[in-house]
Amino acid sequence: MKKQAVALAALGLMAGWAQAQSSVALYGVVDVALERIKGETSLARVTSGQQQGSRWGLRGTEDLGGGLKAVFLLENGFNADAGTMGQGGRLFGRQGYVGLAGNWGALRLGRQYTPMDDIASIAGTKTYDVVSVVPIIGNGDYNRVDNAITYLSPTVANTVFQLQYSLGEERVSTDPSRRFGQQVSAHALYAAGPWTLGASLMRVSDADGTTAGQQPRNAALLAGSYDFGGPKLTAYYDVEDKAAKKLSLLGAAVAYPFGATTVSVGIAQARNVNGSAAAASDDARLYTLQASHNLSKRTALYAHYTRVANDEAAALGFNKPLAGSTSSGVQVGIRHRF
């Protein structure tokens, strides 16, 4: 009888343990490249995180039963060329959140990527990609945000919806820029067959933390790709507030795989880079050429080239580019995932 009671108790413990199973995974990327950039002057260097940001992270889940799970992610960014931490020296500067997930979707609290950055990734968010060189707000100052509350929907008709609100810096009520960094954003991301389509909206309540009052900034991004079973076509359009005029960015790229190697060429037009109302043109044209060769599922060699042709008042590019001049960068590197 005692043995039976012990056996039943053990089974109960095992059932409870199975119901509350948890898993934690360590992952990361080490990415280093040789680079030469030309702006005001030319510079050759070794640099980190060019195809993917160098990082290490911990992600985990715990089964709470009834289809409910606890989830967390902690992700550190670092500079592999110098052994220093990225994102201004933050321990988990890339991401750090905890939340719950179930059939209803997921709710996350903490430092997270914005919904607009997810849509920008369709176009590509590498250092040499157009939406990084310009950069658009959703892949620039607000590609990830602090103090964020994010809801992700389950997949509905091949579409995932995301809504996020960030409290910004949480300044005191008497601060003249108390809403600095507060933002709300959303996206819809459709993926089915050869199609990937995304749309995102963002509103930053106050994008200037020094000038009293609110200086809001609004942005909208559309991006999509179609895989023809060989060549893959990607196009994107971004428009956002920028001083007196709205900045706009229109671009397209074609990628083609040759076995383990993929080659991509792209072109884009940026208008009103500074948003200036002055007569001088502040437009720019951007050209990209990229190649990536997979040595294995985890290791790749890559080469990137980007050239920016600036009009009279535009100064986009690399290494302190000069207004009205061209700027360019070329690099070759190696990326390893673990």
Protein backbone atom coordinates (compact mmCIF):
# COMPACT_ATOMS: atom_id res chain seq x y z
CA MET A 1 0.00 0.00 0.00
CA LYS A 2 2.85 2.31 0.93
CA LYS A 3 4.66 1.42 -2.29
CA GLN A 4 1.51 2.21 -4.26
CA ALA A 5 1.18 5.57 -2.51
CA VAL A 6 4.82 6.41 -3.22
CA ALA A 7 4.40 5.40 -6.86
CA LEU A 8 1.28 7.56 -7.18
CA ALA A 9 3.08 10.49 -5.56
CA ALA A 10 6.02 10.06 -7.93
CA LEU A 11 3.68 9.98 -10.90
CA GLY A 12 2.01 13.13 -9.62
CA LEU A 13 5.36 14.88 -9.33
CA MET A 14 6.35 13.76 -12.82
CA ALA A 15 3.04 14.98 -14.22
CA GLY A 16 3.55 18.32 -12.52
CA TRP A 17 7.09 18.53 -13.85
CA ALA A 18 5.95 17.66 -17.37
CA GLN A 19 3.24 20.29 -17.12
CA ALA A 20 5.82 22.90 -16.18
CA GLN A 21 8.62 21.90 -18.53
CA SER A 22 11.03 24.68 -19.36
CA SER A 23 13.84 25.13 -21.85
CA VAL A 24 16.67 27.64 -22.16
CA ALA A 25 18.87 27.99 -25.24
CA LEU A 26 22.14 29.84 -25.75
CA TYR A 27 22.69 31.28 -29.22
CA GLY A 28 24.82 33.89 -30.93
CA VAL A 29 26.53 35.41 -33.94
CA VAL A 30 30.15 36.43 -34.45
CA ASP A 31 30.62 38.66 -37.49
CA VAL A 32 33.82 40.51 -38.51
CA ALA A 33 34.76 42.23 -41.78
CA LEU A 34 37.62 44.07 -43.46
CA GLU A 35 36.27 47.41 -44.68
CA ARG A 36 37.26 50.52 -46.61
CA ILE A 37 34.95 53.53 -46.45
CA LYS A 38 35.13 56.87 -48.24
CA GLY A 39 33.49 60.07 -47.12
CA GLU A 40 35.29 63.22 -46.05
CA THR A 41 38.41 61.02 -46.02
CA SER A 42 39.13 57.35 -46.70
CA LEU A 43 39.50 54.83 -43.90
CA ALA A 44 40.44 51.14 -43.84
CA ARG A 45 39.54 49.11 -40.76
CA VAL A 46 38.37 45.85 -39.21
CA THR A 47 34.78 46.15 -38.04
CA SER A 48 32.09 44.00 -36.42
CA GLY A 49 28.50 43.07 -37.16
CA GLN A 50 28.20 43.85 -40.86
CA GLN A 51 26.06 41.02 -42.22
CA GLN A 52 24.52 40.39 -38.81
CA GLY A 53 25.17 42.19 -35.56
CA SER A 54 27.57 40.25 -33.35
CA ARG A 55 25.62 39.02 -30.33
CA TRP A 56 24.97 36.31 -27.79
CA GLY A 57 21.67 35.62 -26.14
CA LEU A 58 19.50 33.43 -23.97
CA ARG A 59 15.95 32.53 -24.90
CA GLY A 60 13.61 30.35 -22.92
CA THR A 61 10.08 29.11 -22.42
CA GLU A 62 8.17 27.46 -19.61
CA ASP A 63 5.01 25.46 -20.19
CA LEU A 64 2.44 26.71 -17.67
CA GLY A 65 -0.27 24.31 -18.80
CA GLY A 66 -3.51 24.91 -20.61
CA GLY A 67 -1.68 26.17 -23.70
CA LEU A 68 -0.06 29.03 -21.77
CA LYS A 69 3.71 29.62 -21.79
CA ALA A 70 6.10 32.02 -20.14
CA VAL A 71 8.75 33.37 -22.53
CA PHE A 72 11.88 35.46 -22.13
CA LEU A 73 14.78 36.69 -24.21
CA LEU A 74 18.03 38.41 -23.19
CA GLU A 75 20.32 39.49 -26.02
CA ASN A 76 23.70 41.20 -25.71
CA GLY A 77 25.36 43.02 -28.60
CA PHE A 78 29.14 43.24 -28.78
CA ASN A 79 31.92 44.42 -31.06
CA ALA A 80 33.96 41.36 -32.02
CA ASP A 81 36.75 43.49 -33.51
CA ALA A 82 37.54 45.11 -30.14
CA GLY A 83 35.85 42.88 -27.57
CA THR A 84 33.65 45.71 -26.29
CA MET A 85 29.90 45.84 -25.68
CA GLY A 86 27.60 47.48 -28.21
CA GLN A 87 24.50 49.66 -27.83
CA GLY A 88 26.32 52.17 -25.66
CA GLY A 89 27.73 49.58 -23.28
CA ARG A 90 24.39 48.04 -22.25
CA LEU A 91 24.52 44.48 -20.98
CA PHE A 92 21.43 43.43 -22.95
CA GLY A 93 21.26 46.34 -25.37
CA ARG A 94 19.75 44.41 -28.25
CA GLN A 95 16.75 42.95 -26.41
CA GLY A 96 15.56 42.08 -22.94
CA TYR A 97 11.95 41.06 -22.39
CA VAL A 98 9.66 38.64 -20.58
CA GLY A 99 6.07 37.74 -21.36
CA LEU A 100 3.28 35.23 -21.83
CA ALA A 101 2.21 33.39 -25.01
CA GLY A 102 -0.71 31.18 -25.96
CA ASN A 103 -3.28 30.50 -28.65
CA TRP A 104 -4.37 34.13 -28.29
CA GLY A 105 -0.91 35.45 -29.27
CA ALA A 106 1.86 36.85 -27.07
CA LEU A 107 2.35 39.78 -24.70
CA ARG A 108 5.92 40.97 -24.01
CA LEU A 109 7.34 43.59 -21.65
CA GLY A 110 10.83 45.13 -21.88
CA ARG A 111 13.35 46.36 -24.45
CA GLN A 112 12.27 45.13 -27.88
CA TYR A 113 12.47 45.65 -31.62
CA THR A 114 9.73 47.87 -33.01
CA PRO A 115 7.10 46.55 -35.44
CA MET A 116 8.50 48.87 -38.13
CA ASP A 117 11.96 47.33 -37.81
CA ASP A 118 10.42 43.92 -38.50
CA ILE A 119 8.99 45.25 -41.77
CA ALA A 120 12.28 46.95 -42.63
CA SER A 121 13.96 43.54 -42.40
CA ILE A 122 12.12 42.54 -45.60
CA ALA A 123 14.19 45.18 -47.40
CA GLY A 124 17.30 44.32 -45.37
CA THR A 125 18.74 46.04 -42.30
CA LYS A 126 22.44 45.23 -42.65
CA THR A 127 24.89 48.12 -42.22
CA TYR A 128 25.26 48.49 -46.02
CA ASP A 129 21.54 48.16 -46.80
CA VAL A 130 19.71 51.27 -47.98
CA VAL A 131 17.35 51.58 -45.01
CA SER A 132 20.42 51.64 -42.73
CA VAL A 133 22.43 54.14 -44.77
CA VAL A 134 19.57 56.67 -45.03
CA PRO A 135 18.42 55.73 -42.23
CA ILE A 136 14.67 55.54 -41.78
CA ILE A 137 13.39 56.12 -38.24
CA GLY A 138 12.06 52.56 -37.91
CA ASN A 139 15.56 51.19 -38.49
CA GLY A 140 17.40 54.11 -36.92
CA ASP A 141 16.57 55.83 -33.64
CA TYR A 142 13.54 53.56 -33.15
CA ASN A 143 14.58 50.16 -34.41
CA ARG A 144 14.38 49.00 -30.79
CA VAL A 145 12.91 50.78 -27.78
CA ASP A 146 12.96 50.68 -23.99
CA ASN A 147 10.00 50.22 -21.66
CA ALA A 148 7.89 48.64 -24.40
CA ILE A 149 4.61 46.73 -24.20
CA THR A 150 4.09 44.57 -27.30
CA TYR A 151 1.22 42.37 -28.42
CA LEU A 152 1.72 39.82 -31.23
CA SER A 153 -1.35 38.17 -32.70
CA PRO A 154 -1.66 34.54 -33.76
CA THR A 155 -1.47 33.98 -37.52
CA VAL A 156 -4.76 34.93 -39.19
CA ALA A 157 -5.11 34.27 -42.94
CA ASN A 158 -1.30 34.01 -43.25
CA THR A 159 -0.96 37.40 -41.52
CA VAL A 160 0.56 38.36 -38.17
CA PHE A 161 -0.34 41.66 -36.52
CA GLN A 162 1.77 43.47 -33.96
CA LEU A 163 0.99 46.47 -31.74
CA GLN A 164 3.51 48.20 -29.50
CA TYR A 165 3.55 51.10 -27.05
CA SER A 166 6.73 52.46 -25.50
CA LEU A 167 6.78 54.74 -22.47
CA GLY A 168 10.00 56.35 -23.66
CA GLU A 169 12.37 57.73 -21.02
CA GLU A 170 9.61 58.06 -18.39
CA ARG A 171 10.49 61.65 -17.49
CA VAL A 172 8.79 63.44 -14.59
CA SER A 173 5.56 65.34 -15.29
CA THR A 174 7.26 68.73 -14.84
CA ASP A 175 9.90 68.03 -17.53
CA PRO A 176 9.33 70.32 -20.57
CA SER A 177 9.91 67.28 -22.82
CA ARG A 178 8.27 64.69 -20.61
CA ARG A 179 6.99 62.62 -23.55
CA PHE A 180 10.40 62.24 -25.18
CA GLY A 181 10.75 58.83 -26.83
CA GLN A 182 7.18 57.73 -26.28
CA GLN A 183 5.97 55.90 -29.37
CA VAL A 184 3.17 53.73 -30.64
CA SER A 185 3.59 51.51 -33.70
CA ALA A 186 1.92 48.62 -35.47
CA HIS A 187 2.44 46.29 -38.38
CA ALA A 188 0.72 43.67 -40.51
CA LEU A 189 2.99 40.98 -41.99
CA TYR A 190 1.68 38.56 -44.63
CA ALA A 191 3.68 35.51 -45.74
CA ALA A 192 2.36 32.80 -48.06
CA GLY A 193 3.99 30.94 -50.92
CA PRO A 194 6.36 33.23 -52.80
CA TRP A 195 4.89 36.41 -51.27
CA THR A 196 6.02 38.38 -48.24
CA LEU A 197 4.21 41.69 -47.72
CA GLY A 198 4.37 44.10 -44.81
CA ALA A 199 3.02 47.48 -43.75
CA SER A 200 3.85 49.47 -40.65
CA LEU A 201 2.92 52.78 -39.01
CA MET A 202 4.77 54.61 -36.23
CA ARG A 203 4.15 57.77 -34.22
CA VAL A 204 6.76 59.20 -31.87
CA SER A 205 5.14 61.67 -29.48
CA ASP A 206 8.31 63.74 -29.05
CA ALA A 207 11.43 63.03 -31.10
CA ASP A 208 13.44 65.93 -29.58
CA GLY A 209 14.29 65.63 -25.89
CA THR A 210 15.85 69.07 -25.53
CA THR A 211 13.33 71.49 -27.07
CA ALA A 212 10.37 72.23 -24.78
CA GLY A 213 7.01 70.83 -25.87
CA GLN A 214 6.29 68.03 -28.28
CA GLN A 215 7.96 67.55 -31.65
CA PRO A 216 6.05 64.53 -32.99
CA ARG A 217 7.25 62.39 -35.85
CA ASN A 218 5.13 60.06 -37.97
CA ALA A 219 6.34 57.35 -40.35
CA ALA A 220 4.87 54.75 -42.69
CA LEU A 221 6.68 51.86 -44.36
CA LEU A 222 5.61 49.39 -47.04
CA ALA A 223 7.82 46.49 -48.09
CA GLY A 224 7.36 43.29 -50.03
CA SER A 225 9.15 40.52 -51.86
CA TYR A 226 8.28 37.86 -54.42
CA ASP A 227 10.36 34.72 -54.93
CA PHE A 228 10.23 33.54 -58.54
CA GLY A 229 11.90 30.27 -57.62
CA GLY A 230 15.26 31.67 -58.66
CA PRO A 231 15.43 35.44 -58.66
CA LYS A 232 13.80 37.21 -55.71
CA LEU A 233 12.47 40.74 -56.15
CA THR A 234 12.16 43.10 -53.17
CA ALA A 235 10.69 46.61 -53.14
CA TYR A 236 10.02 49.14 -50.40
CA TYR A 237 8.68 52.65 -49.80
CA ASP A 238 9.08 54.77 -46.67
CA VAL A 239 7.70 58.25 -45.91
CA GLU A 240 8.18 60.14 -42.64
CA ASP A 241 8.26 63.57 -41.04
CA LYS A 242 11.57 65.38 -41.43
CA ALA A 243 11.62 69.12 -40.61
CA ALA A 244 9.73 71.24 -43.17
CA LYS A 245 9.31 68.45 -45.74
CA LYS A 246 8.71 64.73 -45.56
CA LEU A 247 11.60 62.37 -46.22
CA SER A 248 10.74 59.60 -48.68
CA LEU A 249 12.66 56.53 -49.76
CA LEU A 250 11.81 54.28 -52.70
CA GLY A 251 13.95 51.29 -53.61
CA ALA A 252 14.16 47.83 -55.13
CA ALA A 253 16.62 44.95 -55.24
CA VAL A 254 16.95 41.63 -57.05
CA ALA A 255 18.73 38.64 -55.51
CA TYR A 256 19.72 35.48 -57.39
CA PRO A 257 21.13 32.25 -55.93
CA PHE A 258 24.00 30.41 -57.61
CA GLY A 259 24.21 27.23 -55.55
CA ALA A 260 25.58 28.21 -52.15
CA THR A 261 26.14 31.81 -53.30
CA THR A 262 23.52 34.56 -53.50
CA VAL A 263 24.17 37.82 -55.35
CA SER A 264 21.99 40.92 -54.97
CA VAL A 265 21.88 44.30 -56.73
CA GLY A 266 19.76 47.24 -55.63
CA ILE A 267 18.93 50.87 -56.37
CA ALA A 268 17.06 53.48 -54.34
CA GLN A 269 16.09 57.16 -54.36
CA ALA A 270 15.94 59.23 -51.17
CA ARG A 271 14.16 62.60 -51.31
CA ASN A 272 14.27 65.45 -48.81
CA VAL A 273 17.00 63.81 -46.76
CA ASN A 274 17.17 66.81 -44.41
CA GLY A 275 13.56 67.90 -44.90
CA SER A 276 14.87 71.35 -45.80
CA ALA A 277 12.63 73.99 -47.35
CA ALA A 278 15.67 75.70 -48.91
CA ALA A 279 16.13 75.77 -52.68
CA ALA A 280 19.17 73.44 -52.71
CA SER A 281 18.32 69.82 -53.49
CA ASP A 282 18.81 67.35 -50.64
CA ASP A 283 18.05 64.18 -52.59
CA ALA A 284 20.37 61.18 -53.00
CA ARG A 285 20.65 58.00 -55.03
CA LEU A 286 21.96 54.76 -53.54
CA TYR A 287 23.38 51.67 -55.29
CA THR A 288 24.15 48.33 -53.65
CA LEU A 289 25.94 45.15 -54.72
CA GLN A 290 26.11 42.24 -52.29
CA ALA A 291 27.17 38.59 -52.29
CA SER A 292 27.01 35.88 -49.64
CA HIS A 293 28.47 32.37 -49.84
CA ASN A 294 27.44 29.67 -47.36
CA LEU A 295 30.32 27.47 -46.28
CA SER A 296 27.87 25.57 -44.05
CA LYS A 297 24.50 26.10 -42.41
CA ARG A 298 26.16 28.29 -39.78
CA THR A 299 29.14 29.94 -41.51
CA ALA A 300 29.19 32.32 -44.47
CA LEU A 301 31.58 34.57 -46.34
CA TYR A 302 30.19 37.84 -47.68
CA ALA A 303 31.06 40.99 -49.63
CA HIS A 304 29.13 44.28 -49.71
CA TYR A 305 29.48 47.46 -51.75
CA THR A 306 27.31 50.57 -51.41
CA ARG A 307 27.69 53.88 -53.24
CA VAL A 308 25.76 57.06 -52.47
CA ALA A 309 25.46 59.98 -54.92
CA ASN A 310 24.39 63.06 -52.96
CA ASP A 311 22.78 66.16 -54.41
CA GLU A 312 23.94 69.62 -53.34
CA ALA A 313 22.51 69.63 -49.81
CA ALA A 314 22.44 65.89 -49.02
CA ALA A 315 25.19 64.16 -47.04
CA LEU A 316 24.42 60.46 -46.79
CA GLY A 317 27.00 57.69 -46.72
CA PHE A 318 30.07 56.67 -44.76
CA ASN A 319 32.88 58.30 -42.76
CA LYS A 320 31.43 61.82 -42.40
CA PRO A 321 30.21 62.21 -45.99
CA LEU A 322 30.29 65.69 -47.52
CA ALA A 323 27.19 67.38 -48.91
CA GLY A 324 27.02 67.21 -52.69
CA SER A 325 29.69 64.50 -52.95
CA THR A 326 29.71 60.74 -53.40
CA SER A 327 30.42 58.35 -50.55
CA SER A 328 31.09 54.62 -50.72
CA GLY A 329 32.00 51.59 -48.68
CA VAL A 330 33.26 48.12 -49.53
CA GLN A 331 33.84 45.18 -47.23
CA VAL A 332 34.49 41.45 -47.10
CA GLY A 333 33.77 39.44 -44.01
CA ILE A 334 32.90 36.18 -42.29
CA ARG A 335 29.85 35.43 -40.17
CA HIS A 336 29.38 32.43 -37.86
CA ARG A 337 26.21 31.50 -35.97
CA PHE A 338 26.10 29.24 -32.94
